[in-house]
Protein backbone atom coordinates (compact mmCIF):
# COMPACT_ATOMS: atom_id res chain seq x y z
CA UNK A 1 134.77 160.78 101.58
CA UNK A 2 137.31 161.24 104.40
CA UNK A 3 139.49 158.26 105.13
CA UNK A 4 138.28 157.87 108.72
CA UNK A 5 134.64 157.92 107.63
CA UNK A 6 135.35 155.41 104.84
CA UNK A 7 137.07 153.13 107.33
CA UNK A 8 134.12 153.39 109.74
CA UNK A 9 131.65 152.70 106.91
CA UNK A 10 133.49 149.58 105.77
CA UNK A 11 133.73 148.36 109.36
CA UNK A 12 129.99 148.85 109.82
CA UNK A 13 129.18 147.00 106.59
CA UNK A 14 131.22 143.98 107.61
CA UNK A 15 129.95 143.89 111.20
CA UNK A 16 126.28 144.63 110.43
CA UNK A 17 125.25 141.04 109.46
CA UNK A 18 126.66 139.60 112.67
CA UNK A 19 125.06 142.36 114.74
CA UNK A 20 121.74 141.79 112.99
CA UNK A 21 121.77 138.05 113.71
CA UNK A 22 122.83 138.71 117.32
CA UNK A 23 120.01 141.21 117.80
CA UNK A 24 117.33 139.01 116.23
CA UNK A 25 118.29 135.64 117.71
CA UNK A 26 119.88 136.62 121.05
CA UNK A 27 119.14 140.17 122.18
CA UNK A 28 115.44 140.36 121.30
CA UNK A 29 114.58 136.93 122.81
CA UNK A 30 116.48 137.89 125.97
CA UNK A 31 114.57 141.18 126.26
CA UNK A 32 111.32 139.33 125.58
CA UNK A 33 112.14 136.80 128.28
CA UNK A 34 112.90 139.60 130.73
CA UNK A 35 109.52 141.15 129.98
CA UNK A 36 107.64 137.84 130.35
CA UNK A 37 109.34 137.22 133.71
CA UNK A 38 107.05 139.86 135.22
CA UNK A 39 103.88 138.11 133.97
CA UNK A 40 101.93 134.93 134.66
CA UNK A 41 102.00 133.78 131.01
CA UNK A 42 101.91 130.00 130.53
CA UNK A 43 103.49 130.09 127.07
CA UNK A 44 100.26 129.45 125.16
CA UNK A 45 97.51 131.78 126.36
CA UNK A 46 96.83 134.92 124.34
CA UNK A 47 96.20 136.93 127.48
CA UNK A 48 98.28 137.23 130.61
CA UNK A 49 98.66 139.59 133.55
CA UNK A 50 101.50 141.70 134.90
CA UNK A 51 102.36 140.44 138.39
CA UNK A 52 105.49 142.44 139.20
CA UNK A 53 108.31 140.68 141.01
CA UNK A 54 106.13 137.85 142.33
CA UNK A 55 107.89 135.32 140.09
CA UNK A 56 111.29 136.42 141.40
CA UNK A 57 110.34 136.20 145.06
CA UNK A 58 108.78 132.78 144.51
CA UNK A 59 111.84 131.57 142.58
CA UNK A 60 114.19 132.57 145.40
CA UNK A 61 112.03 130.57 147.82
CA UNK A 62 111.78 127.51 145.58
CA UNK A 63 113.83 124.68 147.20
CA UNK A 64 114.13 122.82 143.88
CA UNK A 65 115.61 125.89 142.22
CA UNK A 66 118.03 126.44 145.10
CA UNK A 67 119.10 122.80 144.92
CA UNK A 68 119.72 123.09 141.18
CA UNK A 69 121.65 126.31 141.73
CA UNK A 70 123.90 124.75 144.38
CA UNK A 71 124.51 121.72 142.18
CA UNK A 72 125.39 124.01 139.27
CA UNK A 73 127.79 126.07 141.41
CA UNK A 74 129.59 122.90 142.51
CA UNK A 75 129.79 121.79 138.90
CA UNK A 76 131.10 125.20 137.78
CA UNK A 77 133.89 125.29 140.38
CA UNK A 78 135.19 121.84 139.46
CA UNK A 79 134.89 122.45 135.73
CA UNK A 80 136.77 125.76 135.84
CA UNK A 81 139.60 124.23 137.87
CA UNK A 82 139.87 120.80 136.24
CA UNK A 83 139.18 121.72 132.63
CA UNK A 84 141.76 124.49 132.54
CA UNK A 85 144.33 122.43 134.44
CA UNK A 86 143.90 119.45 132.10
CA UNK A 87 143.83 121.62 128.98
CA UNK A 88 146.98 123.47 129.99
CA UNK A 89 148.69 120.21 130.92
CA UNK A 90 147.84 118.70 127.53
CA UNK A 91 149.07 121.83 125.76
CA UNK A 92 152.38 121.72 127.64
CA UNK A 93 152.74 118.02 126.91
CA UNK A 94 152.10 118.48 123.19
CA UNK A 95 154.42 121.47 122.87
CA UNK A 96 157.19 119.54 124.61
CA UNK A 97 157.15 116.94 121.84
CA UNK A 98 159.18 117.33 118.67
CA UNK A 99 157.12 115.08 116.41
CA UNK A 100 153.44 114.31 115.74
CA UNK A 101 152.15 117.49 117.39
CA UNK A 102 149.37 117.81 114.84
CA UNK A 103 148.21 114.25 115.42
CA UNK A 104 148.01 114.72 119.18
CA UNK A 105 146.13 118.02 118.80
CA UNK A 106 143.64 116.30 116.49
CA UNK A 107 143.08 113.36 118.84
CA UNK A 108 142.45 115.53 121.91
CA UNK A 109 140.33 118.08 120.03
CA UNK A 110 138.17 115.50 118.25
CA UNK A 111 135.61 115.01 121.08
CA UNK A 112 134.74 118.70 120.77
CA UNK A 113 133.50 118.06 117.23
CA UNK A 114 130.92 115.56 118.46
CA UNK A 115 127.46 116.56 119.63
CA UNK A 116 127.34 116.40 123.41
CA UNK A 117 124.00 114.56 123.29
CA UNK A 118 125.57 111.83 121.16
CA UNK A 119 128.63 111.80 123.40
CA UNK A 120 126.43 111.51 126.51
CA UNK A 121 124.53 108.56 125.04
CA UNK A 122 127.83 106.92 124.12
CA UNK A 123 129.16 107.42 127.65
CA UNK A 124 125.91 106.10 129.09
CA UNK A 125 126.65 102.83 127.28
CA UNK A 126 130.22 102.90 128.65
CA UNK A 127 129.07 103.55 132.23
CA UNK A 128 126.20 101.04 132.26
CA UNK A 129 127.53 98.24 130.04
CA UNK A 130 131.25 98.47 129.36
CA UNK A 131 132.65 99.41 132.78
CA UNK A 132 130.71 96.76 134.76
CA UNK A 133 131.86 94.14 132.25
CA UNK A 134 135.44 95.42 132.46
CA UNK A 135 135.26 95.41 136.26
CA UNK A 136 134.24 91.74 136.22
CA UNK A 137 136.72 90.56 133.58
CA UNK A 138 139.71 92.58 134.79
CA UNK A 139 139.02 92.27 138.54
CA UNK A 140 138.64 96.02 138.97
CA UNK A 141 135.59 96.30 141.24
CA UNK A 142 135.87 100.08 141.65
CA UNK A 143 134.73 100.46 138.02
CA UNK A 144 131.40 98.80 138.75
CA UNK A 145 129.49 101.79 140.12
CA UNK A 146 126.00 103.21 139.71
CA UNK A 147 127.41 105.87 137.41
CA UNK A 148 124.07 107.24 136.24
CA UNK A 149 121.70 106.30 139.08
CA UNK A 150 123.54 107.27 142.27
CA UNK A 151 123.50 111.09 142.71
CA UNK A 152 126.98 111.20 144.28
CA UNK A 153 128.53 109.04 141.57
CA UNK A 154 126.48 110.66 138.79
CA UNK A 155 128.03 114.02 139.56
CA UNK A 156 131.49 112.66 138.80
CA UNK A 157 130.19 110.93 135.67
CA UNK A 158 128.91 114.31 134.45
CA UNK A 159 132.28 115.90 135.23
CA UNK A 160 134.16 113.15 133.35
CA UNK A 161 132.07 113.49 130.21
CA UNK A 162 132.21 117.30 130.32
CA UNK A 163 136.00 117.25 130.62
CA UNK A 164 136.30 114.70 127.83
CA UNK A 165 134.31 116.95 125.51
CA UNK A 166 135.55 120.40 126.51
CA UNK A 167 139.22 120.13 127.45
CA UNK A 168 140.39 119.79 123.84
CA UNK A 169 138.96 123.15 122.80
CA UNK A 170 140.72 124.96 125.66
CA UNK A 171 143.87 123.02 124.85
CA UNK A 172 143.98 124.58 121.37
CA UNK A 173 143.84 128.07 122.87
CA UNK A 174 146.65 127.24 125.30
CA UNK A 175 148.74 125.69 122.51
CA UNK A 176 148.44 128.91 120.50
CA UNK A 177 149.47 130.94 123.55
CA UNK A 178 152.45 128.67 124.31
CA UNK A 179 153.72 129.06 120.76
CA UNK A 180 154.00 132.80 121.42
CA UNK A 181 156.33 132.39 124.41
CA UNK A 182 159.88 133.45 123.34
CA UNK A 183 162.18 130.44 123.34
CA UNK A 184 165.26 132.59 124.00
CA UNK A 185 163.88 133.52 127.43
CA UNK A 186 163.52 129.84 128.28
CA UNK A 187 167.02 129.10 127.04
CA UNK A 188 168.44 131.94 129.11
CA UNK A 189 166.61 130.70 132.21
CA UNK A 190 167.80 127.14 131.57
CA UNK A 191 171.39 128.36 131.30
CA UNK A 192 170.95 130.19 134.60
CA UNK A 193 169.97 126.89 136.23
CA UNK A 194 166.18 127.20 136.35
CA UNK A 195 164.25 123.93 136.39
CA UNK A 196 161.04 123.18 134.49
CA UNK A 197 158.68 124.33 137.24
CA UNK A 198 160.58 127.59 137.77
CA UNK A 199 160.47 128.36 134.04
CA UNK A 200 156.75 127.60 133.90
CA UNK A 201 155.95 129.75 136.93
CA UNK A 202 158.17 132.72 136.10
CA UNK A 203 158.16 132.77 132.28
CA UNK A 204 155.46 130.64 130.68
CA UNK A 205 152.52 131.36 132.99
CA UNK A 206 152.90 135.18 132.97
CA UNK A 207 153.21 135.11 129.16
CA UNK A 208 149.95 133.18 128.66
CA UNK A 209 147.80 135.09 131.16
CA UNK A 210 145.58 136.44 128.37
CA UNK A 211 144.84 132.90 127.18
CA UNK A 212 144.10 131.92 130.77
CA UNK A 213 141.61 134.79 131.04
CA UNK A 214 139.84 133.71 127.84
CA UNK A 215 139.71 130.02 128.80
CA UNK A 216 138.39 130.68 132.31
CA UNK A 217 135.77 133.03 130.82
CA UNK A 218 134.64 130.43 128.28
CA UNK A 219 134.63 127.59 130.81
CA UNK A 220 132.73 129.65 133.37
CA UNK A 221 129.96 130.60 130.96
CA UNK A 222 129.69 127.13 129.42
CA UNK A 223 129.52 125.46 132.85
CA UNK A 224 126.76 127.75 134.10
CA UNK A 225 124.71 127.09 130.97
CA UNK A 226 125.35 123.35 130.69
CA UNK A 227 122.32 121.29 129.73
CA UNK A 228 122.95 118.60 127.15
CA UNK A 229 125.45 116.49 129.11
CA UNK A 230 123.10 116.24 132.09
CA UNK A 231 120.09 115.67 129.86
CA UNK A 232 121.87 112.85 128.02
CA UNK A 233 123.42 111.12 131.04
CA UNK A 234 120.94 111.37 133.91
CA UNK A 235 118.02 113.52 132.77
CA UNK A 236 118.44 115.40 136.05
CA UNK A 237 117.69 112.31 138.12
CA UNK A 238 117.45 110.43 140.25
CA UNK A 239 114.92 112.58 142.09
CA UNK A 240 116.18 115.77 140.39
CA UNK A 241 119.41 115.44 142.39
CA UNK A 242 121.62 116.13 139.33
CA UNK A 243 119.44 118.83 137.83
CA UNK A 244 121.39 121.90 136.72
CA UNK A 245 119.76 125.33 136.53
CA UNK A 246 119.36 125.31 132.74
CA UNK A 247 117.55 121.96 132.89
CA UNK A 248 115.45 123.11 135.83
CA UNK A 249 114.31 126.16 133.84
CA UNK A 250 113.53 123.97 130.82
CA UNK A 251 111.50 121.55 132.92
CA UNK A 252 109.64 124.40 134.63
CA UNK A 253 108.65 125.95 131.31
CA UNK A 254 107.85 122.89 129.20
CA UNK A 255 107.36 119.77 131.32
CA UNK A 256 106.25 120.35 134.91
CA UNK A 257 104.04 123.40 135.34
CA UNK A 258 104.11 125.25 132.00
CA UNK A 259 104.76 128.48 133.88
CA UNK A 260 106.61 130.35 131.17
CA UNK A 261 106.83 133.65 133.08
CA UNK A 262 108.08 131.88 136.21
CA UNK A 263 110.73 130.01 134.20
CA UNK A 264 111.87 133.27 132.61
CA UNK A 265 112.28 134.82 136.04
CA UNK A 266 114.58 131.96 136.99
CA UNK A 267 116.46 132.43 133.71
CA UNK A 268 117.00 136.11 134.50
CA UNK A 269 118.29 135.20 137.97
CA UNK A 270 120.77 132.83 136.30
CA UNK A 271 121.75 135.61 133.88
CA UNK A 272 122.50 137.99 136.76
CA UNK A 273 124.56 135.34 138.59
CA UNK A 274 126.60 134.55 135.47
CA UNK A 275 127.11 138.27 134.81
CA UNK A 276 128.39 138.88 138.35
CA UNK A 277 130.78 135.92 138.24
CA UNK A 278 132.02 136.92 134.78
CA UNK A 279 132.67 140.55 135.73
CA UNK A 280 134.59 139.48 138.84
CA UNK A 281 136.61 136.93 136.89
CA UNK A 282 137.50 139.34 134.09
CA UNK A 283 138.45 142.10 136.54
CA UNK A 284 140.67 139.82 138.58
CA UNK A 285 142.35 138.27 135.56
CA UNK A 286 142.90 141.62 133.85
CA UNK A 287 144.62 142.85 137.00
CA UNK A 288 146.88 139.80 136.90
CA UNK A 289 147.65 140.49 133.24
CA UNK A 290 148.79 144.00 134.13
CA UNK A 291 150.90 142.73 137.02
CA UNK A 292 152.46 140.08 134.78
């Protein structure tokens, strides 16, 4: 057997299980959902009818769906900016220390190991019980807010919990990237009189552009598909004001109207939006990598 063919065969053998699981549990359900989005199936009936793009036109005219989409877009923008800024800041802080780096990485990464549902319930206790008590005992009235019942305040509560859970994972990626930055370049810049900000802007940031691309990609996709943190903190309330698109689709399919085809149409619209944002982000960041 030729060497190239043997190499290709071994590669296929190792990759085949992952591809099989991806096809069975991700690709086929997605294709099935796309097909059902053109029907009026309710999720239970054995018979259903093909109705074309009626679900899509109705979804685009649904004010509740548009409200959930706008709320999700606002959430995505803040999460992409804040999570990457905090994660990179933590990575820089840890790498600047000479001792206990492993301990700090463990502490900041630990929330990522916890189920978000459990974390959301824990934070619900903090927002509704601990912070009001702390506000009263420590004379800090700004802590006593309707964190989970006021839509304006609830949005920031969702952001806080999401950052608490997700920043540590991105931090690990940035730490790995920072460890690959040549120290001799920093030393040479320091000898030439460059300050910390100048070294970060001209040396560190261009050298970790690939990590930045990966982290923005991961944050973007996770933020668009967020569900558990909202479900655990507010349940989409009050009055569906904090309902993200993923929760709206879930409620449409299983709680409100049992319109499975209609919910799948909304899911496909979300898929197209995420795909467009992802392609733009990757293209822009890849261009920056080349320029760097």
